[in-house]
C-alpha atoms as a PDB file:
ATOM      1  CA  MET A   1     103.437-153.576  -9.412  1.00  0.00           C
ATOM      2  CA  ASN A   2     106.863-155.294  -8.813  1.00  0.00           C
ATOM      3  CA  GLY A   3     107.695-159.411  -7.931  1.00  0.00           C
ATOM      4  CA  GLU A   4     109.510-158.923  -5.073  1.00  0.00           C
ATOM      5  CA  LYS A   5     106.139-156.577  -4.159  1.00  0.00           C
ATOM      6  CA  LEU A   6     104.443-159.904  -4.847  1.00  0.00           C
ATOM      7  CA  GLN A   7     105.796-162.455  -2.886  1.00  0.00           C
ATOM      8  CA  GLU A   8     106.286-160.271  -0.294  1.00  0.00           C
ATOM      9  CA  LEU A   9     102.327-159.584  -0.273  1.00  0.00           C
ATOM     10  CA  ALA A  10     101.132-164.062  -0.861  1.00  0.00           C
ATOM     11  CA  ARG A  11     104.429-164.139   1.359  1.00  0.00           C
ATOM     12  CA  ALA A  12     103.032-161.960   3.936  1.00  0.00           C
ATOM     13  CA  ARG A  13      99.369-163.481   3.474  1.00  0.00           C
ATOM     14  CA  VAL A  14     100.845-167.539   4.361  1.00  0.00           C
ATOM     15  CA  GLN A  15     102.472-166.092   7.657  1.00  0.00           C
ATOM     16  CA  GLU A  16      99.058-166.183   9.248  1.00  0.00           C
ATOM     17  CA  LEU A  17      97.449-169.046   7.593  1.00  0.00           C
ATOM     18  CA  PRO A  18      97.707-172.155  11.037  1.00  0.00           C
ATOM     19  CA  GLY A  19      99.274-175.058   9.805  1.00  0.00           C
ATOM     20  CA  ALA A  20     101.613-173.805   6.473  1.00  0.00           C
ATOM     21  CA  ASP A  21     104.608-174.442   6.425  1.00  0.00           C
ATOM     22  CA  LEU A  22     107.751-173.070   3.789  1.00  0.00           C
ATOM     23  CA  GLU A  23     109.503-176.663   1.995  1.00  0.00           C
ATOM     24  CA  TYR A  24     112.673-176.699  -0.422  1.00  0.00           C
ATOM     25  CA  PRO A  25     111.373-180.361  -2.362  1.00  0.00           C
ATOM     26  CA  PHE A  26     112.516-179.526  -5.873  1.00  0.00           C
ATOM     27  CA  GLY A  27     116.019-177.625  -4.862  1.00  0.00           C
ATOM     28  CA  ALA A  28     116.569-173.429  -4.575  1.00  0.00           C
ATOM     29  CA  GLY A  29     114.283-171.163  -6.625  1.00  0.00           C
ATOM     30  CA  TRP A  30     111.532-172.336  -5.459  1.00  0.00           C
ATOM     31  CA  ASP A  31     109.642-171.977  -2.016  1.00  0.00           C
ATOM     32  CA  VAL A  32     106.704-174.379  -1.685  1.00  0.00           C
ATOM     33  CA  TYR A  33     104.079-173.569   0.737  1.00  0.00           C
ATOM     34  CA  LYS A  34     101.996-176.580   2.195  1.00  0.00           C
ATOM     35  CA  VAL A  35      99.224-177.443   4.580  1.00  0.00           C
ATOM     36  CA  ARG A  36      99.994-181.073   6.149  1.00  0.00           C
ATOM     37  CA  ASP A  37     102.538-181.853   3.404  1.00  0.00           C
ATOM     38  CA  LYS A  38      99.753-179.975   0.525  1.00  0.00           C
ATOM     39  CA  VAL A  39     100.778-178.704  -1.171  1.00  0.00           C
ATOM     40  CA  PHE A  40      98.913-174.901  -2.081  1.00  0.00           C
ATOM     41  CA  MET A  41     101.448-171.778  -2.411  1.00  0.00           C
ATOM     42  CA  LEU A  42     104.411-171.622  -5.079  1.00  0.00           C
ATOM     43  CA  LEU A  43     106.843-169.045  -5.234  1.00  0.00           C
ATOM     44  CA  THR A  44     109.919-169.008  -8.719  1.00  0.00           C
ATOM     45  CA  ASP A  45     111.981-166.694 -10.564  1.00  0.00           C
ATOM     46  CA  VAL A  46     113.005-170.103 -12.688  1.00  0.00           C
ATOM     47  CA  THR A  47     110.552-168.040 -15.584  1.00  0.00           C
ATOM     48  CA  GLY A  48     112.496-164.655 -15.964  1.00  0.00           C
ATOM     49  CA  GLU A  49     110.494-162.696 -13.316  1.00  0.00           C
ATOM     50  CA  PRO A  50     109.267-163.128  -9.810  1.00  0.00           C
ATOM     51  CA  ILE A  51     105.452-165.531  -9.827  1.00  0.00           C
ATOM     52  CA  VAL A  52     103.210-166.938  -7.711  1.00  0.00           C
ATOM     53  CA  ILE A  53     101.191-169.870  -8.662  1.00  0.00           C
ATOM     54  CA  LEU A  54      98.574-171.140  -6.162  1.00  0.00           C
ATOM     55  CA  LYS A  55      95.103-173.418  -6.533  1.00  0.00           C
ATOM     56  CA  THR A  56      92.029-171.744  -7.815  1.00  0.00           C
ATOM     57  CA  ASP A  57      88.224-173.397  -8.681  1.00  0.00           C
ATOM     58  CA  PRO A  58      88.360-174.104 -12.217  1.00  0.00           C
ATOM     59  CA  GLU A  59      85.330-172.073 -12.151  1.00  0.00           C
ATOM     60  CA  GLU A  60      87.551-169.169 -11.270  1.00  0.00           C
ATOM     61  CA  SER A  61      90.179-169.866 -12.471  1.00  0.00           C
ATOM     62  CA  LYS A  62      89.124-169.392 -15.975  1.00  0.00           C
ATOM     63  CA  ALA A  63      87.875-165.756 -14.858  1.00  0.00           C
ATOM     64  CA  LEU A  64      90.044-164.532 -13.340  1.00  0.00           C
ATOM     65  CA  GLN A  65      92.052-165.355 -16.244  1.00  0.00           C
ATOM     66  CA  GLU A  66      89.812-163.776 -18.181  1.00  0.00           C
ATOM     67  CA  GLN A  67      89.809-160.245 -16.228  1.00  0.00           C
ATOM     68  CA  HIS A  68      93.342-160.087 -15.682  1.00  0.00           C
ATOM     69  CA  ALA A  69      95.925-160.020 -18.516  1.00  0.00           C
ATOM     70  CA  ASP A  70      98.713-160.878 -14.993  1.00  0.00           C
ATOM     71  CA  ILE A  71      97.049-163.943 -14.171  1.00  0.00           C
ATOM     72  CA  THR A  72      97.644-167.166 -16.213  1.00  0.00           C
ATOM     73  CA  PRO A  73      97.412-171.265 -16.112  1.00  0.00           C
ATOM     74  CA  GLY A  74      99.501-172.802 -13.954  1.00  0.00           C
ATOM     75  CA  TYR A  75     102.897-172.514 -14.791  1.00  0.00           C
ATOM     76  CA  HIS A  76     104.120-177.253 -14.348  1.00  0.00           C
ATOM     77  CA  MET A  77     100.932-177.231 -13.138  1.00  0.00           C
ATOM     78  CA  ASN A  78      97.563-178.633 -13.385  1.00  0.00           C
ATOM     79  CA  LYS A  79      96.043-175.286 -15.851  1.00  0.00           C
ATOM     80  CA  LYS A  80      92.599-176.415 -14.693  1.00  0.00           C
ATOM     81  CA  HIS A  81      93.178-175.927 -10.576  1.00  0.00           C
ATOM     82  CA  TRP A  82      96.169-173.928 -10.894  1.00  0.00           C
ATOM     83  CA  ILE A  83      97.159-169.949 -11.751  1.00  0.00           C
ATOM     84  CA  THR A  84     100.318-168.365 -12.227  1.00  0.00           C
ATOM     85  CA  LEU A  85     100.029-164.448 -10.881  1.00  0.00           C
ATOM     86  CA  HIS A  86     102.559-161.870 -12.582  1.00  0.00           C
ATOM     87  CA  PRO A  87     103.860-158.709 -11.017  1.00  0.00           C
ATOM     88  CA  SER A  88     103.910-157.260 -14.400  1.00  0.00           C
ATOM     89  CA  GLY A  89      99.423-156.011 -14.607  1.00  0.00           C
ATOM     90  CA  ASP A  90      97.691-154.176 -11.748  1.00  0.00           C
ATOM     91  CA  LEU A  91      96.818-156.838  -8.625  1.00  0.00           C
ATOM     92  CA  GLN A  92      96.000-155.393  -5.461  1.00  0.00           C
ATOM     93  CA  LYS A  93      96.933-156.874  -1.805  1.00  0.00           C
ATOM     94  CA  GLN A  94      93.130-157.870  -0.702  1.00  0.00           C
ATOM     95  CA  MET A  95      92.849-159.457  -4.412  1.00  0.00           C
ATOM     96  CA  ILE A  96      96.334-161.183  -3.982  1.00  0.00           C
ATOM     97  CA  ASP A  97      94.605-161.821  -0.017  1.00  0.00           C
ATOM     98  CA  ASP A  98      91.533-163.050  -1.161  1.00  0.00           C
ATOM     99  CA  LEU A  99      93.901-165.915  -3.577  1.00  0.00           C
ATOM    100  CA  VAL A 100      96.067-167.082  -1.252  1.00  0.00           C
ATOM    101  CA  THR A 101      93.298-167.392   1.572  1.00  0.00           C
ATOM    102  CA  GLU A 102      91.076-169.136  -1.080  1.00  0.00           C
ATOM    103  CA  SER A 103      94.179-171.241  -2.543  1.00  0.00           C
ATOM    104  CA  PHE A 104      94.816-172.880   1.228  1.00  0.00           C
ATOM    105  CA  LEU A 105      91.133-173.815   1.295  1.00  0.00           C
ATOM    106  CA  LEU A 106      90.912-175.495  -1.039  1.00  0.00           C
ATOM    107  CA  VAL A 107      93.444-177.247  -0.138  1.00  0.00           C
ATOM    108  CA  VAL A 108      92.454-178.150   4.007  1.00  0.00           C
ATOM    109  CA  GLU A 109      88.693-178.415   2.419  1.00  0.00           C
ATOM    110  CA  ASN A 110      90.027-182.228   1.024  1.00  0.00           C
ATOM    111  CA  LEU A 111      92.133-183.037   4.452  1.00  0.00           C
ATOM    112  CA  PRO A 112      90.805-185.328   6.695  1.00  0.00           C
ATOM    113  CA  HIS A 113      88.173-183.430   9.111  1.00  0.00           C
ATOM    114  CA  ALA A 114      91.041-184.303  12.401  1.00  0.00           C
ATOM    115  CA  LYS A 115      93.687-182.946   9.812  1.00  0.00           C
ATOM    116  CA  ARG A 116      92.165-179.572   8.927  1.00  0.00           C
ATOM    117  CA  PRO A 117      94.103-176.943  11.153  1.00  0.00           C
ATOM    118  CA  VAL A 118      90.561-174.826  10.476  1.00  0.00           C
ATOM    119  CA  ASP A 119      87.561-175.129   9.158  1.00  0.00           C
ATOM    120  CA  PRO A 120      87.028-174.916   6.028  1.00  0.00           C
ATOM    121  CA  ALA A 121      84.214-173.190   5.897  1.00  0.00           C
ATOM    122  CA  THR A 122      83.982-170.990   8.542  1.00  0.00           C
ATOM    123  CA  PHE A 123      87.980-169.522   8.428  1.00  0.00           C
ATOM    124  CA  GLY A 124      88.276-166.015   7.051  1.00  0.00           C
ATOM    125  CA  ARG A 125      84.858-165.455   7.558  1.00  0.00           C
ATOM    126  CA  ASP A 126      84.079-162.376   9.054  1.00  0.00           C
ATOM    127  CA  HIS A 127      81.373-162.479  11.456  1.00  0.00           C
ATOM    128  CA  ARG A 128      79.504-158.769  12.651  1.00  0.00           C
END
């Protein structure tokens, strides 16, 4: 998958997340996605390739990095709580959607109940 496609898929998923906003606090070259002023995703190509940086559970982060060569510790972020998705590998759309959603929900879980745009316990769960 090329980098533009990786970032395009991540952006498309964010469009479906309530309360997600795009800001540019770090200037040109950094798309920063927030929910209620808390960062959950960054897109940049300052490393020479278009990458996606996401918040993740520390245990899941380790497993993802062991299973996928194109998932590395978060670029310029806390390496325990953030991962970087690289376009060089075989990440599928569903996995990208899931990782973006998980990042969003990890941030929402830490918001006061009154500020949550969704219930993180039920959002995105299929109840069929």
